[in-house]
Amino acid sequence: FLGNRSIRLSLGRPDLFRSQLRAILRASVHENIRMMYPMVSSVEEVLTANQLLKRCMDELDKENIPYNKNIEIGTMIEVPSAALIADKIAPHVSFFSIGTNDLIQYTIAVDRGNKAVAHLYNPTHLAVIRLIDHLVKICHKFGLWSCVCGQMASMPHLVPLLVGLGVDELSVSPQHAPIIKDVIRKLYYTDAVKLAQQSLISESSDEVDKYCKEMISQIAPEVLEF
């Protein structure tokens, strides 16, 4: 988990990364393509990746190969260090995708695959909620849009909390999409904001979980079984 992977591997293999960037840019001519750098932990990684991306764009221009010059570039925020310096990363990207699976396990220092500590993996941990709140506020400040992906986005009773925190988009698997959409349709935004504010000043993760389940039991009790 903490090895040479994601953006580290890409920057360590610039020839391979360049081929990938060129392929994505060429596909972006269809204008439904967005790109994000995974596992970012520093501003320098984003700057270096953007520099290589600019070189690829210049090459395609010289070769008269079309691509979307306004392609949206974002970063996955799944490392606490990236979350804490999000204000420094924000000026160089268009969006943040908050990867909750890794962000939770790195924040709480819990390997989900380790049975001895897996029970400590908790999406309603106060540190996690506060990090998401911090990231969304940074996005609003810099005019970025935010997305939450990972298991947390697919948990129906946590949807009101994420909406209340101001998250713009939830990325879920096709099988979960109808349930999540149903919850959002039945939700009053003002109630979601109150839930989020209440959660941010709560005393424990169990308390946050309780608030979330109480709200979902009122608007969509049928989804509690998922």
C-alpha atoms as a PDB file:
ATOM      1  CA  PHE A   1       0.000   0.000   0.000  1.00  0.00           C
ATOM      2  CA  LEU A   2       2.845   2.419   0.720  1.00  0.00           C
ATOM      3  CA  GLY A   3       5.064   1.325  -2.136  1.00  0.00           C
ATOM      4  CA  ASN A   4       6.013   2.607  -5.552  1.00  0.00           C
ATOM      5  CA  ARG A   5       2.625   2.919  -7.209  1.00  0.00           C
ATOM      6  CA  SER A   6       0.165   5.370  -8.764  1.00  0.00           C
ATOM      7  CA  ILE A   7       1.602   8.833  -9.452  1.00  0.00           C
ATOM      8  CA  ARG A   8       4.966   7.784  -7.973  1.00  0.00           C
ATOM      9  CA  LEU A   9       5.276   4.973 -10.472  1.00  0.00           C
ATOM     10  CA  SER A  10       4.115   7.232 -13.307  1.00  0.00           C
ATOM     11  CA  LEU A  11       6.648   9.956 -12.556  1.00  0.00           C
ATOM     12  CA  GLY A  12       9.332   7.319 -12.128  1.00  0.00           C
ATOM     13  CA  ARG A  13       8.542   5.946 -15.599  1.00  0.00           C
ATOM     14  CA  PRO A  14       8.099   9.141 -17.678  1.00  0.00           C
ATOM     15  CA  ASP A  15       8.163   7.306 -21.029  1.00  0.00           C
ATOM     16  CA  LEU A  16       5.283   5.070 -19.967  1.00  0.00           C
ATOM     17  CA  PHE A  17       3.451   8.005 -18.398  1.00  0.00           C
ATOM     18  CA  ARG A  18       3.907  10.060 -21.566  1.00  0.00           C
ATOM     19  CA  SER A  19       2.300   7.317 -23.664  1.00  0.00           C
ATOM     20  CA  GLN A  20      -0.654   7.199 -21.288  1.00  0.00           C
ATOM     21  CA  LEU A  21      -1.065  10.983 -21.285  1.00  0.00           C
ATOM     22  CA  ARG A  22      -0.969  11.147 -25.080  1.00  0.00           C
ATOM     23  CA  ALA A  23      -3.566   8.384 -25.329  1.00  0.00           C
ATOM     24  CA  ILE A  24      -5.892  10.141 -22.885  1.00  0.00           C
ATOM     25  CA  LEU A  25      -5.478  13.453 -24.691  1.00  0.00           C
ATOM     26  CA  ARG A  26      -6.244  11.860 -28.058  1.00  0.00           C
ATOM     27  CA  ALA A  27      -9.350  10.217 -26.612  1.00  0.00           C
ATOM     28  CA  SER A  28     -10.424  13.559 -25.129  1.00  0.00           C
ATOM     29  CA  VAL A  29     -11.415  14.768 -28.584  1.00  0.00           C
ATOM     30  CA  HIS A  30     -14.801  13.209 -27.774  1.00  0.00           C
ATOM     31  CA  GLU A  31     -15.095  15.763 -24.920  1.00  0.00           C
ATOM     32  CA  ASN A  32     -16.380  13.301 -22.318  1.00  0.00           C
ATOM     33  CA  ILE A  33     -12.937  12.571 -20.897  1.00  0.00           C
ATOM     34  CA  ARG A  34     -11.539  13.898 -17.629  1.00  0.00           C
ATOM     35  CA  MET A  35      -8.219  12.915 -16.115  1.00  0.00           C
ATOM     36  CA  MET A  36      -6.935  12.763 -12.557  1.00  0.00           C
ATOM     37  CA  TYR A  37      -3.629  11.969 -10.934  1.00  0.00           C
ATOM     38  CA  PRO A  38      -3.849   9.160  -8.356  1.00  0.00           C
ATOM     39  CA  MET A  39      -2.271   8.966  -4.923  1.00  0.00           C
ATOM     40  CA  VAL A  40      -0.913  12.517  -4.933  1.00  0.00           C
ATOM     41  CA  SER A  41       0.915  13.439  -1.727  1.00  0.00           C
ATOM     42  CA  SER A  42       2.651  16.694  -2.657  1.00  0.00           C
ATOM     43  CA  VAL A  43       2.304  19.806  -4.795  1.00  0.00           C
ATOM     44  CA  GLU A  44       5.515  18.931  -6.614  1.00  0.00           C
ATOM     45  CA  GLU A  45       3.957  15.750  -8.004  1.00  0.00           C
ATOM     46  CA  VAL A  46       1.084  17.717  -9.507  1.00  0.00           C
ATOM     47  CA  LEU A  47       3.386  20.347 -10.974  1.00  0.00           C
ATOM     48  CA  THR A  48       5.671  17.731 -12.512  1.00  0.00           C
ATOM     49  CA  ALA A  49       2.730  15.793 -13.958  1.00  0.00           C
ATOM     50  CA  ASN A  50       1.245  18.995 -15.387  1.00  0.00           C
ATOM     51  CA  GLN A  51       4.564  19.897 -16.989  1.00  0.00           C
ATOM     52  CA  LEU A  52       4.727  16.507 -18.694  1.00  0.00           C
ATOM     53  CA  LEU A  53       1.094  16.891 -19.768  1.00  0.00           C
ATOM     54  CA  LYS A  54       1.903  20.293 -21.299  1.00  0.00           C
ATOM     55  CA  ARG A  55       4.794  18.732 -23.240  1.00  0.00           C
ATOM     56  CA  CYS A  56       2.427  16.079 -24.598  1.00  0.00           C
ATOM     57  CA  MET A  57      -0.047  18.780 -25.630  1.00  0.00           C
ATOM     58  CA  ASP A  58       2.710  20.678 -27.439  1.00  0.00           C
ATOM     59  CA  GLU A  59       3.739  17.497 -29.247  1.00  0.00           C
ATOM     60  CA  LEU A  60       0.179  16.817 -30.410  1.00  0.00           C
ATOM     61  CA  ASP A  61      -0.145  20.412 -31.602  1.00  0.00           C
ATOM     62  CA  LYS A  62       3.003  20.048 -33.700  1.00  0.00           C
ATOM     63  CA  GLU A  63       1.703  16.746 -35.085  1.00  0.00           C
ATOM     64  CA  ASN A  64      -1.708  18.297 -35.852  1.00  0.00           C
ATOM     65  CA  ILE A  65      -3.425  15.634 -33.767  1.00  0.00           C
ATOM     66  CA  PRO A  66      -6.702  16.924 -32.289  1.00  0.00           C
ATOM     67  CA  TYR A  67      -7.526  16.800 -28.570  1.00  0.00           C
ATOM     68  CA  ASN A  68      -9.619  18.717 -26.076  1.00  0.00           C
ATOM     69  CA  LYS A  69      -7.443  21.664 -25.092  1.00  0.00           C
ATOM     70  CA  ASN A  70      -9.728  22.333 -22.120  1.00  0.00           C
ATOM     71  CA  ILE A  71      -9.673  18.817 -20.684  1.00  0.00           C
ATOM     72  CA  GLU A  72     -10.350  18.868 -16.953  1.00  0.00           C
ATOM     73  CA  ILE A  73      -7.431  17.714 -14.813  1.00  0.00           C
ATOM     74  CA  GLY A  74      -7.950  16.672 -11.195  1.00  0.00           C
ATOM     75  CA  THR A  75      -6.282  14.827  -8.373  1.00  0.00           C
ATOM     76  CA  MET A  76      -7.312  11.952  -6.191  1.00  0.00           C
ATOM     77  CA  ILE A  77      -7.168  13.040  -2.576  1.00  0.00           C
ATOM     78  CA  GLU A  78      -6.568   9.822  -0.672  1.00  0.00           C
ATOM     79  CA  VAL A  79      -3.497  10.683   1.390  1.00  0.00           C
ATOM     80  CA  PRO A  80      -3.778  12.916   4.507  1.00  0.00           C
ATOM     81  CA  SER A  81      -0.781  14.978   3.396  1.00  0.00           C
ATOM     82  CA  ALA A  82      -2.614  15.951   0.202  1.00  0.00           C
ATOM     83  CA  ALA A  83      -5.751  16.820   2.157  1.00  0.00           C
ATOM     84  CA  LEU A  84      -3.805  19.090   4.502  1.00  0.00           C
ATOM     85  CA  ILE A  85      -2.143  21.014   1.655  1.00  0.00           C
ATOM     86  CA  ALA A  86      -5.204  20.994  -0.599  1.00  0.00           C
ATOM     87  CA  ASP A  87      -5.113  24.796  -0.804  1.00  0.00           C
ATOM     88  CA  LYS A  88      -1.677  24.548  -2.434  1.00  0.00           C
ATOM     89  CA  ILE A  89      -2.780  21.860  -4.905  1.00  0.00           C
ATOM     90  CA  ALA A  90      -6.099  23.482  -5.837  1.00  0.00           C
ATOM     91  CA  PRO A  91      -4.714  26.253  -8.096  1.00  0.00           C
ATOM     92  CA  HIS A  92      -3.222  23.621 -10.412  1.00  0.00           C
ATOM     93  CA  VAL A  93      -6.278  21.399 -10.993  1.00  0.00           C
ATOM     94  CA  SER A  94      -9.990  21.550 -11.832  1.00  0.00           C
ATOM     95  CA  PHE A  95     -11.396  19.079  -9.323  1.00  0.00           C
ATOM     96  CA  PHE A  96     -10.711  16.855  -6.347  1.00  0.00           C
ATOM     97  CA  SER A  97     -11.869  13.245  -6.231  1.00  0.00           C
ATOM     98  CA  ILE A  98     -11.843  12.219  -2.577  1.00  0.00           C
ATOM     99  CA  GLY A  99     -10.861   8.561  -2.498  1.00  0.00           C
ATOM    100  CA  THR A 100     -12.421   7.548   0.795  1.00  0.00           C
ATOM    101  CA  ASN A 101     -11.203   3.950   0.880  1.00  0.00           C
ATOM    102  CA  ASP A 102      -7.547   4.919   1.118  1.00  0.00           C
ATOM    103  CA  LEU A 103      -8.131   8.255   2.871  1.00  0.00           C
ATOM    104  CA  ILE A 104      -9.887   6.458   5.728  1.00  0.00           C
ATOM    105  CA  GLN A 105      -7.310   3.711   6.153  1.00  0.00           C
ATOM    106  CA  TYR A 106      -4.344   6.106   5.942  1.00  0.00           C
ATOM    107  CA  THR A 107      -5.954   8.613   8.316  1.00  0.00           C
ATOM    108  CA  ILE A 108      -6.814   6.018  10.949  1.00  0.00           C
ATOM    109  CA  ALA A 109      -3.775   3.809  10.202  1.00  0.00           C
ATOM    110  CA  VAL A 110      -5.945   0.767   9.500  1.00  0.00           C
ATOM    111  CA  ASP A 111      -5.333  -1.834   6.819  1.00  0.00           C
ATOM    112  CA  ARG A 112      -8.795  -3.009   5.744  1.00  0.00           C
ATOM    113  CA  GLY A 113      -7.320  -6.353   4.717  1.00  0.00           C
ATOM    114  CA  ASN A 114      -5.932  -7.062   8.177  1.00  0.00           C
ATOM    115  CA  LYS A 115      -8.571  -8.940  10.164  1.00  0.00           C
ATOM    116  CA  ALA A 116      -6.979  -7.932  13.462  1.00  0.00           C
ATOM    117  CA  VAL A 117      -7.681  -4.232  12.865  1.00  0.00           C
ATOM    118  CA  ALA A 118     -10.320  -4.174  10.115  1.00  0.00           C
ATOM    119  CA  HIS A 119     -13.026  -3.431  12.685  1.00  0.00           C
ATOM    120  CA  LEU A 120     -11.347  -0.069  13.322  1.00  0.00           C
ATOM    121  CA  TYR A 121     -11.940   1.018   9.719  1.00  0.00           C
ATOM    122  CA  ASN A 122     -14.638   3.636  10.174  1.00  0.00           C
ATOM    123  CA  PRO A 123     -16.006   6.098   7.570  1.00  0.00           C
ATOM    124  CA  THR A 124     -17.695   8.183  10.287  1.00  0.00           C
ATOM    125  CA  HIS A 125     -14.484   8.729  12.228  1.00  0.00           C
ATOM    126  CA  LEU A 126     -14.445  12.413  13.176  1.00  0.00           C
ATOM    127  CA  ALA A 127     -11.057  12.961  11.538  1.00  0.00           C
ATOM    128  CA  VAL A 128     -12.400  11.631   8.235  1.00  0.00           C
ATOM    129  CA  ILE A 129     -15.535  13.800   8.382  1.00  0.00           C
ATOM    130  CA  ARG A 130     -13.456  16.874   9.150  1.00  0.00           C
ATOM    131  CA  LEU A 131     -11.020  16.149   6.329  1.00  0.00           C
ATOM    132  CA  ILE A 132     -13.880  15.875   3.836  1.00  0.00           C
ATOM    133  CA  ASP A 133     -15.373  19.107   5.166  1.00  0.00           C
ATOM    134  CA  HIS A 134     -11.979  20.803   4.799  1.00  0.00           C
ATOM    135  CA  LEU A 135     -11.554  19.565   1.231  1.00  0.00           C
ATOM    136  CA  VAL A 136     -15.015  20.685   0.139  1.00  0.00           C
ATOM    137  CA  LYS A 137     -14.402  24.152   1.573  1.00  0.00           C
ATOM    138  CA  ILE A 138     -11.121  24.367  -0.332  1.00  0.00           C
ATOM    139  CA  CYS A 139     -12.952  23.395  -3.521  1.00  0.00           C
ATOM    140  CA  HIS A 140     -15.545  26.118  -2.976  1.00  0.00           C
ATOM    141  CA  LYS A 141     -12.834  28.684  -2.282  1.00  0.00           C
ATOM    142  CA  PHE A 142     -10.928  27.923  -5.474  1.00  0.00           C
ATOM    143  CA  GLY A 143     -13.900  27.212  -7.733  1.00  0.00           C
ATOM    144  CA  LEU A 144     -13.255  23.481  -8.050  1.00  0.00           C
ATOM    145  CA  TRP A 145     -15.858  20.757  -7.997  1.00  0.00           C
ATOM    146  CA  SER A 146     -15.599  17.839  -5.586  1.00  0.00           C
ATOM    147  CA  CYS A 147     -16.388  14.157  -5.874  1.00  0.00           C
ATOM    148  CA  VAL A 148     -16.429  11.377  -3.308  1.00  0.00           C
ATOM    149  CA  CYS A 149     -15.640   7.871  -4.486  1.00  0.00           C
ATOM    150  CA  GLY A 150     -15.039   4.617  -2.683  1.00  0.00           C
ATOM    151  CA  GLN A 151     -17.253   2.530  -0.446  1.00  0.00           C
ATOM    152  CA  MET A 152     -18.396   5.529   1.592  1.00  0.00           C
ATOM    153  CA  ALA A 153     -20.198   7.057  -1.406  1.00  0.00           C
ATOM    154  CA  SER A 154     -22.217   3.854  -1.826  1.00  0.00           C
ATOM    155  CA  MET A 155     -23.463   3.690   1.767  1.00  0.00           C
ATOM    156  CA  PRO A 156     -27.058   5.045   1.635  1.00  0.00           C
ATOM    157  CA  HIS A 157     -27.197   6.278   5.224  1.00  0.00           C
ATOM    158  CA  LEU A 158     -24.054   8.398   4.699  1.00  0.00           C
ATOM    159  CA  VAL A 159     -25.386  10.129   1.582  1.00  0.00           C
ATOM    160  CA  PRO A 160     -27.207  12.885   3.543  1.00  0.00           C
ATOM    161  CA  LEU A 161     -23.984  13.588   5.433  1.00  0.00           C
ATOM    162  CA  LEU A 162     -21.923  13.916   2.233  1.00  0.00           C
ATOM    163  CA  VAL A 163     -24.572  16.079   0.587  1.00  0.00           C
ATOM    164  CA  GLY A 164     -24.724  18.242   3.695  1.00  0.00           C
ATOM    165  CA  LEU A 165     -20.957  18.690   3.650  1.00  0.00           C
ATOM    166  CA  GLY A 166     -21.332  20.153   0.166  1.00  0.00           C
ATOM    167  CA  VAL A 167     -19.902  17.370  -1.978  1.00  0.00           C
ATOM    168  CA  ASP A 168     -20.816  17.960  -5.640  1.00  0.00           C
ATOM    169  CA  GLU A 169     -20.723  14.421  -6.961  1.00  0.00           C
ATOM    170  CA  LEU A 170     -20.837  10.839  -5.699  1.00  0.00           C
ATOM    171  CA  SER A 171     -19.108   8.143  -7.719  1.00  0.00           C
ATOM    172  CA  VAL A 172     -20.781   4.759  -7.224  1.00  0.00           C
ATOM    173  CA  SER A 173     -21.067   1.448  -9.045  1.00  0.00           C
ATOM    174  CA  PRO A 174     -24.059   0.935 -11.389  1.00  0.00           C
ATOM    175  CA  GLN A 175     -25.713  -1.461  -8.951  1.00  0.00           C
ATOM    176  CA  HIS A 176     -25.744   1.173  -6.201  1.00  0.00           C
ATOM    177  CA  ALA A 177     -26.715   4.138  -8.373  1.00  0.00           C
ATOM    178  CA  PRO A 178     -30.540   3.676  -8.190  1.00  0.00           C
ATOM    179  CA  ILE A 179     -30.495   3.434  -4.382  1.00  0.00           C
ATOM    180  CA  ILE A 180     -28.241   6.468  -3.959  1.00  0.00           C
ATOM    181  CA  LYS A 181     -30.317   8.506  -6.421  1.00  0.00           C
ATOM    182  CA  ASP A 182     -33.479   7.576  -4.537  1.00  0.00           C
ATOM    183  CA  VAL A 183     -32.021   8.809  -1.254  1.00  0.00           C
ATOM    184  CA  ILE A 184     -30.940  12.103  -2.809  1.00  0.00           C
ATOM    185  CA  ARG A 185     -34.380  12.681  -4.342  1.00  0.00           C
ATOM    186  CA  LYS A 186     -36.048  12.252  -0.953  1.00  0.00           C
ATOM    187  CA  LEU A 187     -33.568  14.456   0.878  1.00  0.00           C
ATOM    188  CA  TYR A 188     -34.082  18.081   1.877  1.00  0.00           C
ATOM    189  CA  TYR A 189     -30.799  19.943   1.475  1.00  0.00           C
ATOM    190  CA  THR A 190     -31.336  22.125   4.558  1.00  0.00           C
ATOM    191  CA  ASP A 191     -31.791  18.987   6.672  1.00  0.00           C
ATOM    192  CA  ALA A 192     -28.617  17.499   5.212  1.00  0.00           C
ATOM    193  CA  VAL A 193     -26.652  20.646   6.090  1.00  0.00           C
ATOM    194  CA  LYS A 194     -27.943  20.510   9.668  1.00  0.00           C
ATOM    195  CA  LEU A 195     -26.894  16.860   9.882  1.00  0.00           C
ATOM    196  CA  ALA A 196     -23.414  17.705   8.630  1.00  0.00           C
ATOM    197  CA  GLN A 197     -22.966  20.559  11.087  1.00  0.00           C
ATOM    198  CA  GLN A 198     -24.207  18.369  13.919  1.00  0.00           C
ATOM    199  CA  SER A 199     -21.784  15.625  12.909  1.00  0.00           C
ATOM    200  CA  LEU A 200     -18.793  17.963  12.784  1.00  0.00           C
ATOM    201  CA  ILE A 201     -19.240  18.876  16.458  1.00  0.00           C
ATOM    202  CA  SER A 202     -20.225  15.408  17.649  1.00  0.00           C
ATOM    203  CA  GLU A 203     -18.287  13.516  20.301  1.00  0.00           C
ATOM    204  CA  SER A 204     -17.776  10.195  18.533  1.00  0.00           C
ATOM    205  CA  SER A 205     -18.100   8.273  15.287  1.00  0.00           C
ATOM    206  CA  ASP A 206     -20.942   6.252  16.827  1.00  0.00           C
ATOM    207  CA  GLU A 207     -22.813   9.486  17.384  1.00  0.00           C
ATOM    208  CA  VAL A 208     -22.351  10.498  13.750  1.00  0.00           C
ATOM    209  CA  ASP A 209     -23.518   7.082  12.591  1.00  0.00           C
ATOM    210  CA  LYS A 210     -26.572   7.400  14.827  1.00  0.00           C
ATOM    211  CA  TYR A 211     -27.496  10.805  13.389  1.00  0.00           C
ATOM    212  CA  CYS A 212     -27.149   9.495   9.838  1.00  0.00           C
ATOM    213  CA  LYS A 213     -29.279   6.415  10.440  1.00  0.00           C
ATOM    214  CA  GLU A 214     -31.951   8.454  12.195  1.00  0.00           C
ATOM    215  CA  MET A 215     -32.283  10.716   9.171  1.00  0.00           C
ATOM    216  CA  ILE A 216     -32.306   7.892   6.645  1.00  0.00           C
ATOM    217  CA  SER A 217     -34.928   6.026   8.680  1.00  0.00           C
ATOM    218  CA  GLN A 218     -37.199   9.040   8.262  1.00  0.00           C
ATOM    219  CA  ILE A 219     -36.789   9.554   4.515  1.00  0.00           C
ATOM    220  CA  ALA A 220     -35.902   6.104   3.136  1.00  0.00           C
ATOM    221  CA  PRO A 221     -36.061   3.401   5.833  1.00  0.00           C
ATOM    222  CA  GLU A 222     -36.037   0.656   3.212  1.00  0.00           C
ATOM    223  CA  VAL A 223     -32.387   1.311   2.348  1.00  0.00           C
ATOM    224  CA  LEU A 224     -31.081   0.568   5.849  1.00  0.00           C
ATOM    225  CA  GLU A 225     -30.827  -3.109   4.934  1.00  0.00           C
ATOM    226  CA  PHE A 226     -28.173  -2.351   2.290  1.00  0.00           C
END
